[in-house]
Amino acid sequence: MNISIEDLLKNKNNNIIDIRDKYKYSNGHISNSINIPSEYLITNHSEYLDKDETYYLYCDNGYKSKLVSDELNYLGYKTINIIGGYNYYLLIK
């Protein structure tokens, strides 16, 4: 499942996860997002995620976050990929 940046920002969602590395996150991120790099999120998903919550994932361009979202959804979590990722967010903010 996917969501556009515009729709995400309209809804003021609280469970936004930046799956990029800590360096990229520290140099800029979507407001109200938290940073959990993809390798940690995939290997330790039960430590970070609750199956009763919905999470919105993004990376630089939306490609890697789509793959991670699909994997987590397969494992029973509710995740939604943010189309275009952080790069698109920079264009519209």
C-alpha atoms as a PDB file:
ATOM      1  CA  MET A   1       0.000   0.000   0.000  1.00  0.00           C
ATOM      2  CA  ASN A   2       1.187   3.538  -0.790  1.00  0.00           C
ATOM      3  CA  ILE A   3       0.380   7.089   0.272  1.00  0.00           C
ATOM      4  CA  SER A   4       1.428  10.400  -1.249  1.00  0.00           C
ATOM      5  CA  ILE A   5       3.342  12.990   0.765  1.00  0.00           C
ATOM      6  CA  GLU A   6       0.435  15.393   0.294  1.00  0.00           C
ATOM      7  CA  ASP A   7      -2.082  12.943   1.812  1.00  0.00           C
ATOM      8  CA  LEU A   8       0.318  12.000   4.593  1.00  0.00           C
ATOM      9  CA  LEU A   9       0.807  15.623   5.618  1.00  0.00           C
ATOM     10  CA  LYS A  10      -2.944  16.315   5.557  1.00  0.00           C
ATOM     11  CA  ASN A  11      -3.625  13.524   8.058  1.00  0.00           C
ATOM     12  CA  LYS A  12      -0.890  14.402  10.587  1.00  0.00           C
ATOM     13  CA  ASN A  13       0.116  10.766  11.151  1.00  0.00           C
ATOM     14  CA  ASN A  14       2.333  10.039  14.130  1.00  0.00           C
ATOM     15  CA  ASN A  15       3.930   6.746  13.116  1.00  0.00           C
ATOM     16  CA  ILE A  16       6.291   7.932  10.381  1.00  0.00           C
ATOM     17  CA  ILE A  17       9.526   5.963  10.100  1.00  0.00           C
ATOM     18  CA  ASP A  18      12.582   7.092   8.158  1.00  0.00           C
ATOM     19  CA  ILE A  19      14.407   3.885   7.182  1.00  0.00           C
ATOM     20  CA  ARG A  20      17.509   5.692   5.874  1.00  0.00           C
ATOM     21  CA  ASP A  21      20.778   5.616   7.810  1.00  0.00           C
ATOM     22  CA  LYS A  22      21.312   7.875  10.802  1.00  0.00           C
ATOM     23  CA  TYR A  23      23.584  10.249   8.849  1.00  0.00           C
ATOM     24  CA  LYS A  24      20.929  11.001   6.224  1.00  0.00           C
ATOM     25  CA  TYR A  25      18.268  11.372   8.926  1.00  0.00           C
ATOM     26  CA  SER A  26      20.420  13.840  10.867  1.00  0.00           C
ATOM     27  CA  ASN A  27      20.826  15.943   7.709  1.00  0.00           C
ATOM     28  CA  GLY A  28      17.069  16.286   7.229  1.00  0.00           C
ATOM     29  CA  HIS A  29      13.866  14.330   7.622  1.00  0.00           C
ATOM     30  CA  ILE A  30      10.081  14.584   7.481  1.00  0.00           C
ATOM     31  CA  SER A  31       8.837  16.344  10.609  1.00  0.00           C
ATOM     32  CA  ASN A  32       7.517  14.026  13.334  1.00  0.00           C
ATOM     33  CA  SER A  33       9.353  11.033  11.873  1.00  0.00           C
ATOM     34  CA  ILE A  34      11.628   8.711  13.812  1.00  0.00           C
ATOM     35  CA  ASN A  35      14.708   7.009  12.429  1.00  0.00           C
ATOM     36  CA  ILE A  36      14.929   3.233  12.360  1.00  0.00           C
ATOM     37  CA  PRO A  37      17.371   2.162   9.633  1.00  0.00           C
ATOM     38  CA  SER A  38      15.979  -0.584   7.405  1.00  0.00           C
ATOM     39  CA  GLU A  39      18.438  -3.246   8.550  1.00  0.00           C
ATOM     40  CA  TYR A  40      17.317  -2.810  12.169  1.00  0.00           C
ATOM     41  CA  LEU A  41      13.652  -2.606  11.295  1.00  0.00           C
ATOM     42  CA  ILE A  42      13.668  -5.824   9.264  1.00  0.00           C
ATOM     43  CA  THR A  43      15.748  -7.883  11.715  1.00  0.00           C
ATOM     44  CA  ASN A  44      14.179  -6.541  14.934  1.00  0.00           C
ATOM     45  CA  HIS A  45      10.652  -5.653  13.802  1.00  0.00           C
ATOM     46  CA  SER A  46       8.952  -6.938  16.950  1.00  0.00           C
ATOM     47  CA  GLU A  47      11.135  -4.626  19.045  1.00  0.00           C
ATOM     48  CA  TYR A  48      10.009  -1.529  17.126  1.00  0.00           C
ATOM     49  CA  LEU A  49       6.536  -2.262  15.766  1.00  0.00           C
ATOM     50  CA  ASP A  50       3.108  -3.159  17.149  1.00  0.00           C
ATOM     51  CA  LYS A  51       0.789  -5.185  14.922  1.00  0.00           C
ATOM     52  CA  ASP A  52      -2.164  -3.039  16.077  1.00  0.00           C
ATOM     53  CA  GLU A  53      -0.620   0.199  14.741  1.00  0.00           C
ATOM     54  CA  THR A  54      -0.169   1.548  11.215  1.00  0.00           C
ATOM     55  CA  TYR A  55       3.267   2.828  10.189  1.00  0.00           C
ATOM     56  CA  TYR A  56       4.320   5.058   7.293  1.00  0.00           C
ATOM     57  CA  LEU A  57       7.772   4.289   5.876  1.00  0.00           C
ATOM     58  CA  TYR A  58      10.059   6.345   3.656  1.00  0.00           C
ATOM     59  CA  CYS A  59      13.564   6.302   2.259  1.00  0.00           C
ATOM     60  CA  ASP A  60      15.240   8.630  -0.259  1.00  0.00           C
ATOM     61  CA  ASN A  61      12.978   7.896  -3.233  1.00  0.00           C
ATOM     62  CA  GLY A  62      10.360   5.372  -2.107  1.00  0.00           C
ATOM     63  CA  TYR A  63      11.924   2.276  -3.664  1.00  0.00           C
ATOM     64  CA  LYS A  64      13.600   0.684  -0.637  1.00  0.00           C
ATOM     65  CA  SER A  65      10.771   1.698   1.694  1.00  0.00           C
ATOM     66  CA  LYS A  66       8.330  -0.076  -0.645  1.00  0.00           C
ATOM     67  CA  LEU A  67      10.365  -3.292  -0.390  1.00  0.00           C
ATOM     68  CA  VAL A  68      10.628  -3.012   3.397  1.00  0.00           C
ATOM     69  CA  SER A  69       6.916  -2.195   3.688  1.00  0.00           C
ATOM     70  CA  ASP A  70       5.985  -5.237   1.606  1.00  0.00           C
ATOM     71  CA  GLU A  71       8.170  -7.483   3.781  1.00  0.00           C
ATOM     72  CA  LEU A  72       6.700  -6.130   7.028  1.00  0.00           C
ATOM     73  CA  ASN A  73       3.149  -6.447   5.708  1.00  0.00           C
ATOM     74  CA  TYR A  74       3.914 -10.083   4.854  1.00  0.00           C
ATOM     75  CA  LEU A  75       4.971 -10.540   8.496  1.00  0.00           C
ATOM     76  CA  GLY A  76       1.614  -9.195   9.693  1.00  0.00           C
ATOM     77  CA  TYR A  77       2.365  -5.523  10.316  1.00  0.00           C
ATOM     78  CA  LYS A  78       0.400  -2.612   8.848  1.00  0.00           C
ATOM     79  CA  THR A  79       2.823  -0.451   6.915  1.00  0.00           C
ATOM     80  CA  ILE A  80       2.321   2.053   4.120  1.00  0.00           C
ATOM     81  CA  ASN A  81       5.016   3.275   1.763  1.00  0.00           C
ATOM     82  CA  ILE A  82       5.347   7.031   1.241  1.00  0.00           C
ATOM     83  CA  ILE A  83       5.569   7.586  -2.513  1.00  0.00           C
ATOM     84  CA  GLY A  84       8.660   9.497  -3.641  1.00  0.00           C
ATOM     85  CA  GLY A  85      10.291   9.399  -0.215  1.00  0.00           C
ATOM     86  CA  TYR A  86      12.291  12.220   1.274  1.00  0.00           C
ATOM     87  CA  ASN A  87      13.394  13.570  -2.113  1.00  0.00           C
ATOM     88  CA  TYR A  88       9.795  14.285  -3.095  1.00  0.00           C
ATOM     89  CA  TYR A  89       9.054  15.734   0.343  1.00  0.00           C
ATOM     90  CA  LEU A  90      11.834  18.294  -0.255  1.00  0.00           C
ATOM     91  CA  LEU A  91      10.197  19.351  -3.523  1.00  0.00           C
ATOM     92  CA  ILE A  92       6.812  20.141  -1.992  1.00  0.00           C
ATOM     93  CA  LYS A  93       7.515  21.409   1.511  1.00  0.00           C
END
